[in-house]
PDB file of N, CA and C in Angstrom:
ATOM      1  N   MET A   1      -2.114  -0.622 -21.394  1.00  0.00           N
ATOM      2  CA  MET A   1      -1.355  -0.863 -20.179  1.00  0.00           C
ATOM      3  C   MET A   1      -2.277  -0.734 -18.972  1.00  0.00           C
ATOM      4  N   ALA A   2      -2.001  -1.532 -17.962  1.00  0.00           N
ATOM      5  CA  ALA A   2      -2.832  -1.529 -16.752  1.00  0.00           C
ATOM      6  C   ALA A   2      -2.632  -0.236 -15.980  1.00  0.00           C
ATOM      7  N   ASP A   3      -3.553   0.030 -15.072  1.00  0.00           N
ATOM      8  CA  ASP A   3      -3.434   1.207 -14.216  1.00  0.00           C
ATOM      9  C   ASP A   3      -2.168   1.102 -13.381  1.00  0.00           C
ATOM     10  N   ILE A   4      -1.549   2.236 -13.134  1.00  0.00           N
ATOM     11  CA  ILE A   4      -0.343   2.279 -12.317  1.00  0.00           C
ATOM     12  C   ILE A   4      -0.745   2.211 -10.849  1.00  0.00           C
ATOM     13  N   PRO A   5      -0.196   1.223 -10.111  1.00  0.00           N
ATOM     14  CA  PRO A   5      -0.542   1.103  -8.691  1.00  0.00           C
ATOM     15  C   PRO A   5      -0.148   2.357  -7.915  1.00  0.00           C
ATOM     16  N   SER A   6      -1.075   2.898  -7.170  1.00  0.00           N
ATOM     17  CA  SER A   6      -0.779   4.114  -6.420  1.00  0.00           C
ATOM     18  C   SER A   6      -0.854   3.895  -4.918  1.00  0.00           C
ATOM     19  N   THR A   7      -1.257   2.722  -4.501  1.00  0.00           N
ATOM     20  CA  THR A   7      -1.335   2.434  -3.076  1.00  0.00           C
ATOM     21  C   THR A   7      -0.260   1.420  -2.694  1.00  0.00           C
ATOM     22  N   ARG A   8       0.040   1.383  -1.414  1.00  0.00           N
ATOM     23  CA  ARG A   8       1.034   0.438  -0.917  1.00  0.00           C
ATOM     24  C   ARG A   8       0.611  -0.994  -1.220  1.00  0.00           C
ATOM     25  N   SER A   9      -0.660  -1.316  -0.996  1.00  0.00           N
ATOM     26  CA  SER A   9      -1.114  -2.692  -1.232  1.00  0.00           C
ATOM     27  C   SER A   9      -1.044  -3.047  -2.716  1.00  0.00           C
ATOM     28  N   ALA A  10      -1.329  -2.096  -3.590  1.00  0.00           N
ATOM     29  CA  ALA A  10      -1.222  -2.359  -5.031  1.00  0.00           C
ATOM     30  C   ALA A  10       0.242  -2.545  -5.429  1.00  0.00           C
ATOM     31  N   ARG A  11       1.135  -1.743  -4.821  1.00  0.00           N
ATOM     32  CA  ARG A  11       2.564  -1.883  -5.096  1.00  0.00           C
ATOM     33  C   ARG A  11       3.051  -3.249  -4.619  1.00  0.00           C
ATOM     34  N   HIS A  12       2.612  -3.650  -3.446  1.00  0.00           N
ATOM     35  CA  HIS A  12       2.982  -4.970  -2.926  1.00  0.00           C
ATOM     36  C   HIS A  12       2.510  -6.074  -3.865  1.00  0.00           C
ATOM     37  N   ALA A  13       1.298  -5.935  -4.368  1.00  0.00           N
ATOM     38  CA  ALA A  13       0.758  -6.947  -5.284  1.00  0.00           C
ATOM     39  C   ALA A  13       1.620  -7.038  -6.536  1.00  0.00           C
ATOM     40  N   ARG A  14       2.076  -5.895  -7.047  1.00  0.00           N
ATOM     41  CA  ARG A  14       2.914  -5.904  -8.253  1.00  0.00           C
ATOM     42  C   ARG A  14       4.272  -6.509  -7.957  1.00  0.00           C
ATOM     43  N   ILE A  15       4.834  -6.224  -6.790  1.00  0.00           N
ATOM     44  CA  ILE A  15       6.111  -6.825  -6.396  1.00  0.00           C
ATOM     45  C   ILE A  15       5.964  -8.342  -6.334  1.00  0.00           C
ATOM     46  N   LEU A  16       4.884  -8.811  -5.732  1.00  0.00           N
ATOM     47  CA  LEU A  16       4.637 -10.255  -5.661  1.00  0.00           C
ATOM     48  C   LEU A  16       4.575 -10.867  -7.053  1.00  0.00           C
ATOM     49  N   GLU A  17       3.849 -10.227  -7.965  1.00  0.00           N
ATOM     50  CA  GLU A  17       3.738 -10.728  -9.335  1.00  0.00           C
ATOM     51  C   GLU A  17       5.106 -10.820 -10.003  1.00  0.00           C
ATOM     52  N   LEU A  18       5.901  -9.768  -9.865  1.00  0.00           N
ATOM     53  CA  LEU A  18       7.219  -9.759 -10.494  1.00  0.00           C
ATOM     54  C   LEU A  18       8.122 -10.848  -9.937  1.00  0.00           C
ATOM     55  N   ILE A  19       8.108 -11.024  -8.625  1.00  0.00           N
ATOM     56  CA  ILE A  19       8.953 -12.049  -8.007  1.00  0.00           C
ATOM     57  C   ILE A  19       8.514 -13.445  -8.431  1.00  0.00           C
ATOM     58  N   GLU A  20       7.218 -13.642  -8.605  1.00  0.00           N
ATOM     59  CA  GLU A  20       6.715 -14.946  -9.059  1.00  0.00           C
ATOM     60  C   GLU A  20       7.049 -15.199 -10.525  1.00  0.00           C
ATOM     61  N   GLN A  21       7.080 -14.157 -11.344  1.00  0.00           N
ATOM     62  CA  GLN A  21       7.264 -14.298 -12.787  1.00  0.00           C
ATOM     63  C   GLN A  21       8.722 -14.332 -13.217  1.00  0.00           C
ATOM     64  N   LYS A  22       9.598 -13.686 -12.475  1.00  0.00           N
ATOM     65  CA  LYS A  22      10.982 -13.519 -12.904  1.00  0.00           C
ATOM     66  C   LYS A  22      11.958 -13.923 -11.810  1.00  0.00           C
ATOM     67  N   GLN A  23      13.177 -14.217 -12.218  1.00  0.00           N
ATOM     68  CA  GLN A  23      14.241 -14.490 -11.260  1.00  0.00           C
ATOM     69  C   GLN A  23      14.951 -13.170 -10.977  1.00  0.00           C
ATOM     70  N   ILE A  24      14.592 -12.541  -9.872  1.00  0.00           N
ATOM     71  CA  ILE A  24      15.117 -11.228  -9.520  1.00  0.00           C
ATOM     72  C   ILE A  24      16.192 -11.393  -8.458  1.00  0.00           C
ATOM     73  N   ALA A  25      17.393 -10.920  -8.786  1.00  0.00           N
ATOM     74  CA  ALA A  25      18.540 -11.146  -7.910  1.00  0.00           C
ATOM     75  C   ALA A  25      18.879  -9.970  -7.010  1.00  0.00           C
ATOM     76  N   SER A  26      18.335  -8.778  -7.303  1.00  0.00           N
ATOM     77  CA  SER A  26      18.718  -7.621  -6.493  1.00  0.00           C
ATOM     78  C   SER A  26      17.572  -6.616  -6.393  1.00  0.00           C
ATOM     79  N   GLN A  27      17.681  -5.749  -5.392  1.00  0.00           N
ATOM     80  CA  GLN A  27      16.692  -4.690  -5.248  1.00  0.00           C
ATOM     81  C   GLN A  27      16.774  -3.726  -6.427  1.00  0.00           C
ATOM     82  N   GLY A  28      17.964  -3.482  -6.920  1.00  0.00           N
ATOM     83  CA  GLY A  28      18.131  -2.606  -8.068  1.00  0.00           C
ATOM     84  C   GLY A  28      17.395  -3.137  -9.287  1.00  0.00           C
ATOM     85  N   GLU A  29      17.508  -4.420  -9.503  1.00  0.00           N
ATOM     86  CA  GLU A  29      16.800  -5.065 -10.618  1.00  0.00           C
ATOM     87  C   GLU A  29      15.292  -4.938 -10.436  1.00  0.00           C
ATOM     88  N   LEU A  30      14.825  -5.150  -9.222  1.00  0.00           N
ATOM     89  CA  LEU A  30      13.396  -5.043  -8.939  1.00  0.00           C
ATOM     90  C   LEU A  30      12.925  -3.601  -9.113  1.00  0.00           C
ATOM     91  N   ARG A  31      13.726  -2.636  -8.674  1.00  0.00           N
ATOM     92  CA  ARG A  31      13.365  -1.219  -8.861  1.00  0.00           C
ATOM     93  C   ARG A  31      13.223  -0.885 -10.332  1.00  0.00           C
ATOM     94  N   GLU A  32      14.128  -1.391 -11.162  1.00  0.00           N
ATOM     95  CA  GLU A  32      14.058  -1.146 -12.609  1.00  0.00           C
ATOM     96  C   GLU A  32      12.787  -1.745 -13.207  1.00  0.00           C
ATOM     97  N   LEU A  33      12.446  -2.946 -12.779  1.00  0.00           N
ATOM     98  CA  LEU A  33      11.219  -3.583 -13.271  1.00  0.00           C
ATOM     99  C   LEU A  33       9.990  -2.789 -12.856  1.00  0.00           C
ATOM    100  N   LEU A  34       9.983  -2.331 -11.613  1.00  0.00           N
ATOM    101  CA  LEU A  34       8.867  -1.519 -11.138  1.00  0.00           C
ATOM    102  C   LEU A  34       8.784  -0.207 -11.914  1.00  0.00           C
ATOM    103  N   ALA A  35       9.931   0.429 -12.143  1.00  0.00           N
ATOM    104  CA  ALA A  35       9.954   1.688 -12.899  1.00  0.00           C
ATOM    105  C   ALA A  35       9.410   1.468 -14.304  1.00  0.00           C
ATOM    106  N   GLY A  36       9.723   0.321 -14.888  1.00  0.00           N
ATOM    107  CA  GLY A  36       9.201  -0.019 -16.206  1.00  0.00           C
ATOM    108  C   GLY A  36       7.693  -0.176 -16.210  1.00  0.00           C
ATOM    109  N   ASN A  37       7.130  -0.374 -15.031  1.00  0.00           N
ATOM    110  CA  ASN A  37       5.686  -0.483 -14.863  1.00  0.00           C
ATOM    111  C   ASN A  37       5.086   0.824 -14.349  1.00  0.00           C
ATOM    112  N   GLY A  38       5.889   1.889 -14.360  1.00  0.00           N
ATOM    113  CA  GLY A  38       5.398   3.187 -13.924  1.00  0.00           C
ATOM    114  C   GLY A  38       5.377   3.380 -12.429  1.00  0.00           C
ATOM    115  N   ILE A  39       6.088   2.528 -11.686  1.00  0.00           N
ATOM    116  CA  ILE A  39       6.103   2.613 -10.228  1.00  0.00           C
ATOM    117  C   ILE A  39       7.498   3.036  -9.782  1.00  0.00           C
ATOM    118  N   GLU A  40       7.625   4.311  -9.418  1.00  0.00           N
ATOM    119  CA  GLU A  40       8.901   4.828  -8.923  1.00  0.00           C
ATOM    120  C   GLU A  40       8.932   4.639  -7.408  1.00  0.00           C
ATOM    121  N   VAL A  41       9.994   4.017  -6.920  1.00  0.00           N
ATOM    122  CA  VAL A  41      10.090   3.736  -5.499  1.00  0.00           C
ATOM    123  C   VAL A  41      11.543   3.914  -5.070  1.00  0.00           C
ATOM    124  N   THR A  42      11.755   4.455  -3.870  1.00  0.00           N
ATOM    125  CA  THR A  42      13.116   4.604  -3.361  1.00  0.00           C
ATOM    126  C   THR A  42      13.625   3.248  -2.883  1.00  0.00           C
ATOM    127  N   GLN A  43      14.931   3.156  -2.732  1.00  0.00           N
ATOM    128  CA  GLN A  43      15.524   1.913  -2.243  1.00  0.00           C
ATOM    129  C   GLN A  43      15.027   1.615  -0.841  1.00  0.00           C
ATOM    130  N   ALA A  44      14.898   2.641  -0.011  1.00  0.00           N
ATOM    131  CA  ALA A  44      14.432   2.446   1.370  1.00  0.00           C
ATOM    132  C   ALA A  44      13.004   1.898   1.392  1.00  0.00           C
ATOM    133  N   THR A  45      12.143   2.454   0.550  1.00  0.00           N
ATOM    134  CA  THR A  45      10.759   1.970   0.487  1.00  0.00           C
ATOM    135  C   THR A  45      10.713   0.545  -0.019  1.00  0.00           C
ATOM    136  N   LEU A  46      11.500   0.247  -1.040  1.00  0.00           N
ATOM    137  CA  LEU A  46      11.511  -1.109  -1.585  1.00  0.00           C
ATOM    138  C   LEU A  46      12.024  -2.095  -0.551  1.00  0.00           C
ATOM    139  N   SER A  47      13.046  -1.719   0.180  1.00  0.00           N
ATOM    140  CA  SER A  47      13.583  -2.578   1.229  1.00  0.00           C
ATOM    141  C   SER A  47      12.510  -2.870   2.282  1.00  0.00           C
ATOM    142  N   ARG A  48      11.780  -1.836   2.662  1.00  0.00           N
ATOM    143  CA  ARG A  48      10.690  -1.980   3.636  1.00  0.00           C
ATOM    144  C   ARG A  48       9.583  -2.875   3.065  1.00  0.00           C
ATOM    145  N   ASP A  49       9.235  -2.660   1.798  1.00  0.00           N
ATOM    146  CA  ASP A  49       8.213  -3.497   1.156  1.00  0.00           C
ATOM    147  C   ASP A  49       8.610  -4.966   1.180  1.00  0.00           C
ATOM    148  N   LEU A  50       9.857  -5.245   0.827  1.00  0.00           N
ATOM    149  CA  LEU A  50      10.321  -6.639   0.795  1.00  0.00           C
ATOM    150  C   LEU A  50      10.271  -7.254   2.190  1.00  0.00           C
ATOM    151  N   GLU A  51      10.616  -6.474   3.195  1.00  0.00           N
ATOM    152  CA  GLU A  51      10.548  -6.968   4.575  1.00  0.00           C
ATOM    153  C   GLU A  51       9.098  -7.253   4.969  1.00  0.00           C
ATOM    154  N   GLU A  52       8.198  -6.343   4.628  1.00  0.00           N
ATOM    155  CA  GLU A  52       6.776  -6.525   4.948  1.00  0.00           C
ATOM    156  C   GLU A  52       6.186  -7.735   4.236  1.00  0.00           C
ATOM    157  N   LEU A  53       6.699  -8.038   3.053  1.00  0.00           N
ATOM    158  CA  LEU A  53       6.210  -9.192   2.279  1.00  0.00           C
ATOM    159  C   LEU A  53       6.918 -10.491   2.677  1.00  0.00           C
ATOM    160  N   HIS A  54       7.843 -10.391   3.622  1.00  0.00           N
ATOM    161  CA  HIS A  54       8.627 -11.546   4.089  1.00  0.00           C
ATOM    162  C   HIS A  54       9.426 -12.184   2.958  1.00  0.00           C
ATOM    163  N   ALA A  55       9.982 -11.326   2.108  1.00  0.00           N
ATOM    164  CA  ALA A  55      10.813 -11.807   1.010  1.00  0.00           C
ATOM    165  C   ALA A  55      12.138 -12.318   1.566  1.00  0.00           C
ATOM    166  N   PHE A  56      12.674 -13.301   0.887  1.00  0.00           N
ATOM    167  CA  PHE A  56      13.981 -13.842   1.260  1.00  0.00           C
ATOM    168  C   PHE A  56      14.677 -14.276  -0.019  1.00  0.00           C
ATOM    169  N   LYS A  57      15.960 -14.545   0.089  1.00  0.00           N
ATOM    170  CA  LYS A  57      16.716 -14.993  -1.073  1.00  0.00           C
ATOM    171  C   LYS A  57      17.037 -16.467  -0.907  1.00  0.00           C
ATOM    172  N   GLU A  58      16.946 -17.164  -2.034  1.00  0.00           N
ATOM    173  CA  GLU A  58      17.348 -18.565  -2.041  1.00  0.00           C
ATOM    174  C   GLU A  58      18.027 -18.857  -3.370  1.00  0.00           C
ATOM    175  N   TYR A  59      18.689 -19.976  -3.434  1.00  0.00           N
ATOM    176  CA  TYR A  59      19.375 -20.354  -4.665  1.00  0.00           C
ATOM    177  C   TYR A  59      18.387 -20.984  -5.635  1.00  0.00           C
ATOM    178  N   ALA A  60      18.418 -20.501  -6.868  1.00  0.00           N
ATOM    179  CA  ALA A  60      17.620 -21.099  -7.942  1.00  0.00           C
ATOM    180  C   ALA A  60      18.400 -22.304  -8.472  1.00  0.00           C
ATOM    181  N   ALA A  61      17.775 -23.061  -9.350  1.00  0.00           N
ATOM    182  CA  ALA A  61      18.410 -24.247  -9.920  1.00  0.00           C
ATOM    183  C   ALA A  61      19.717 -23.909 -10.640  1.00  0.00           C
ATOM    184  N   ASN A  62      19.811 -22.696 -11.166  1.00  0.00           N
ATOM    185  CA  ASN A  62      21.016 -22.285 -11.898  1.00  0.00           C
ATOM    186  C   ASN A  62      22.108 -21.737 -10.976  1.00  0.00           C
ATOM    187  N   GLY A  63      21.874 -21.750  -9.668  1.00  0.00           N
ATOM    188  CA  GLY A  63      22.853 -21.286  -8.696  1.00  0.00           C
ATOM    189  C   GLY A  63      22.774 -19.806  -8.374  1.00  0.00           C
ATOM    190  N   LYS A  64      21.905 -19.089  -9.047  1.00  0.00           N
ATOM    191  CA  LYS A  64      21.727 -17.656  -8.823  1.00  0.00           C
ATOM    192  C   LYS A  64      20.848 -17.450  -7.585  1.00  0.00           C
ATOM    193  N   ARG A  65      21.221 -16.480  -6.725  1.00  0.00           N
ATOM    194  CA  ARG A  65      20.390 -16.165  -5.552  1.00  0.00           C
ATOM    195  C   ARG A  65      19.293 -15.205  -5.983  1.00  0.00           C
ATOM    196  N   ILE A  66      18.058 -15.594  -5.751  1.00  0.00           N
ATOM    197  CA  ILE A  66      16.920 -14.790  -6.189  1.00  0.00           C
ATOM    198  C   ILE A  66      15.919 -14.606  -5.061  1.00  0.00           C
ATOM    199  N   TYR A  67      15.075 -13.577  -5.230  1.00  0.00           N
ATOM    200  CA  TYR A  67      14.045 -13.325  -4.229  1.00  0.00           C
ATOM    201  C   TYR A  67      12.898 -14.318  -4.351  1.00  0.00           C
ATOM    202  N   ARG A  68      12.372 -14.698  -3.211  1.00  0.00           N
ATOM    203  CA  ARG A  68      11.174 -15.537  -3.102  1.00  0.00           C
ATOM    204  C   ARG A  68      10.298 -14.932  -1.993  1.00  0.00           C
ATOM    205  N   ILE A  69       9.028 -15.242  -2.052  1.00  0.00           N
ATOM    206  CA  ILE A  69       8.098 -14.794  -1.010  1.00  0.00           C
ATOM    207  C   ILE A  69       7.566 -16.043  -0.317  1.00  0.00           C
TER     208      ILE A  69
END
């Protein structure tokens, strides 16, 4: 397993990877994915991270609203 990101920039990089790889519909879902990667983050921190990364939600082809960067 890869090293666990311990810096904000490393956490941001992992969030970007997850959003590019998966259709993530909620912050809760993203938190679970991050936790599965050994990255524990509060909802407030994750919300701030998504804002800093300029994340937004859009409709996927299947009609589900998902995060995009």
